[in-house]
C-alpha atoms as a PDB file:
ATOM      1  CA  GLY A   1     -85.249 -33.319  67.314  1.00  0.00           C
ATOM      2  CA  TRP A   2     -82.791 -35.602  65.602  1.00  0.00           C
ATOM      3  CA  VAL A   3     -82.045 -39.203  64.743  1.00  0.00           C
ATOM      4  CA  ARG A   4     -78.850 -41.158  64.096  1.00  0.00           C
ATOM      5  CA  ASN A   5     -77.647 -44.703  63.625  1.00  0.00           C
ATOM      6  CA  ARG A   6     -75.071 -46.184  65.946  1.00  0.00           C
ATOM      7  CA  ARG A   7     -72.339 -48.572  64.856  1.00  0.00           C
ATOM      8  CA  ASP A   8     -73.733 -51.268  67.169  1.00  0.00           C
ATOM      9  CA  GLY A   9     -76.925 -51.386  65.047  1.00  0.00           C
ATOM     10  CA  THR A  10     -79.115 -49.347  67.379  1.00  0.00           C
ATOM     11  CA  VAL A  11     -80.854 -46.086  66.537  1.00  0.00           C
ATOM     12  CA  GLU A  12     -80.802 -43.032  68.768  1.00  0.00           C
ATOM     13  CA  ALA A  13     -83.400 -40.263  68.493  1.00  0.00           C
ATOM     14  CA  VAL A  14     -84.539 -37.139  70.289  1.00  0.00           C
ATOM     15  CA  PHE A  15     -88.072 -35.873  69.710  1.00  0.00           C
ATOM     16  CA  ALA A  16     -89.348 -32.457  70.750  1.00  0.00           C
ATOM     17  CA  GLY A  17     -92.702 -30.792  70.375  1.00  0.00           C
ATOM     18  CA  ASP A  18     -96.311 -31.197  71.362  1.00  0.00           C
ATOM     19  CA  ALA A  19     -96.727 -34.048  73.883  1.00  0.00           C
ATOM     20  CA  LYS A  20     -99.226 -35.887  71.642  1.00  0.00           C
ATOM     21  CA  ALA A  21     -96.885 -35.702  68.643  1.00  0.00           C
ATOM     22  CA  VAL A  22     -93.982 -37.054  70.709  1.00  0.00           C
ATOM     23  CA  GLN A  23     -96.196 -39.874  72.058  1.00  0.00           C
ATOM     24  CA  ASP A  24     -97.308 -40.760  68.522  1.00  0.00           C
ATOM     25  CA  MET A  25     -93.718 -40.820  67.266  1.00  0.00           C
ATOM     26  CA  THR A  26     -92.641 -42.982  70.203  1.00  0.00           C
ATOM     27  CA  ALA A  27     -95.493 -45.416  69.478  1.00  0.00           C
ATOM     28  CA  ALA A  28     -94.457 -45.604  65.808  1.00  0.00           C
ATOM     29  CA  CYS A  29     -90.869 -46.337  66.847  1.00  0.00           C
ATOM     30  CA  ARG A  30     -92.013 -49.160  69.120  1.00  0.00           C
ATOM     31  CA  LYS A  31     -93.707 -50.748  66.109  1.00  0.00           C
ATOM     32  CA  GLY A  32     -90.802 -50.140  63.726  1.00  0.00           C
ATOM     33  CA  GLY A  33     -90.759 -49.966  59.962  1.00  0.00           C
ATOM     34  CA  TYR A  34     -91.301 -52.680  57.354  1.00  0.00           C
ATOM     35  CA  ALA A  35     -87.782 -54.118  57.458  1.00  0.00           C
ATOM     36  CA  SER A  36     -86.902 -53.250  61.042  1.00  0.00           C
ATOM     37  CA  ARG A  37     -86.785 -55.151  64.293  1.00  0.00           C
ATOM     38  CA  VAL A  38     -87.439 -53.399  67.590  1.00  0.00           C
ATOM     39  CA  ASP A  39     -86.114 -55.287  70.610  1.00  0.00           C
ATOM     40  CA  GLY A  40     -86.699 -52.490  73.111  1.00  0.00           C
ATOM     41  CA  MET A  41     -86.648 -48.780  73.778  1.00  0.00           C
ATOM     42  CA  ASP A  42     -85.234 -46.514  76.438  1.00  0.00           C
ATOM     43  CA  VAL A  43     -87.500 -43.460  76.788  1.00  0.00           C
ATOM     44  CA  ARG A  44     -86.464 -40.484  78.927  1.00  0.00           C
ATOM     45  CA  GLU A  45     -86.406 -36.691  78.965  1.00  0.00           C
ATOM     46  CA  ALA A  46     -83.701 -35.229  76.726  1.00  0.00           C
ATOM     47  CA  SER A  47     -81.221 -32.701  78.031  1.00  0.00           C
ATOM     48  CA  ALA A  48     -80.826 -29.267  76.485  1.00  0.00           C
ATOM     49  CA  ASP A  49     -77.382 -30.344  75.227  1.00  0.00           C
ATOM     50  CA  GLU A  50     -78.858 -33.390  73.458  1.00  0.00           C
ATOM     51  CA  LEU A  51     -81.566 -31.316  71.809  1.00  0.00           C
ATOM     52  CA  ALA A  52     -78.984 -28.714  70.715  1.00  0.00           C
ATOM     53  CA  LEU A  53     -77.270 -31.361  68.552  1.00  0.00           C
ATOM     54  CA  ARG A  54     -79.876 -30.654  65.856  1.00  0.00           C
ATOM     55  CA  GLY A  55     -77.934 -27.477  65.075  1.00  0.00           C
ATOM     56  CA  GLY A  56     -80.775 -24.983  64.810  1.00  0.00           C
ATOM     57  CA  ASN A  57     -82.793 -27.138  62.406  1.00  0.00           C
ATOM     58  CA  THR A  58     -86.302 -28.299  63.153  1.00  0.00           C
ATOM     59  CA  PHE A  59     -85.101 -31.888  62.663  1.00  0.00           C
ATOM     60  CA  ALA A  60     -81.704 -33.301  61.707  1.00  0.00           C
ATOM     61  CA  VAL A  61     -80.159 -36.607  60.704  1.00  0.00           C
ATOM     62  CA  LEU A  62     -76.842 -36.821  62.520  1.00  0.00           C
ATOM     63  CA  PRO A  63     -73.790 -38.815  61.438  1.00  0.00           C
ATOM     64  CA  THR A  64     -73.371 -42.385  62.672  1.00  0.00           C
ATOM     65  CA  VAL A  65     -71.459 -42.701  65.944  1.00  0.00           C
END
């Protein structure tokens, strides 16, 4: 998958893999990190085009958009 910051202060991420691993990552994102604030999440299936943005890597950090 991949993750990137957005100029409006939100974070966008795509996770791929074992269903349990994706569920665990989603749960961790709902909680947030030490200095973060999570107001909400939009969870949906990613398209093949969205997943392809990782550029052949297992996981990528994309530029801010």
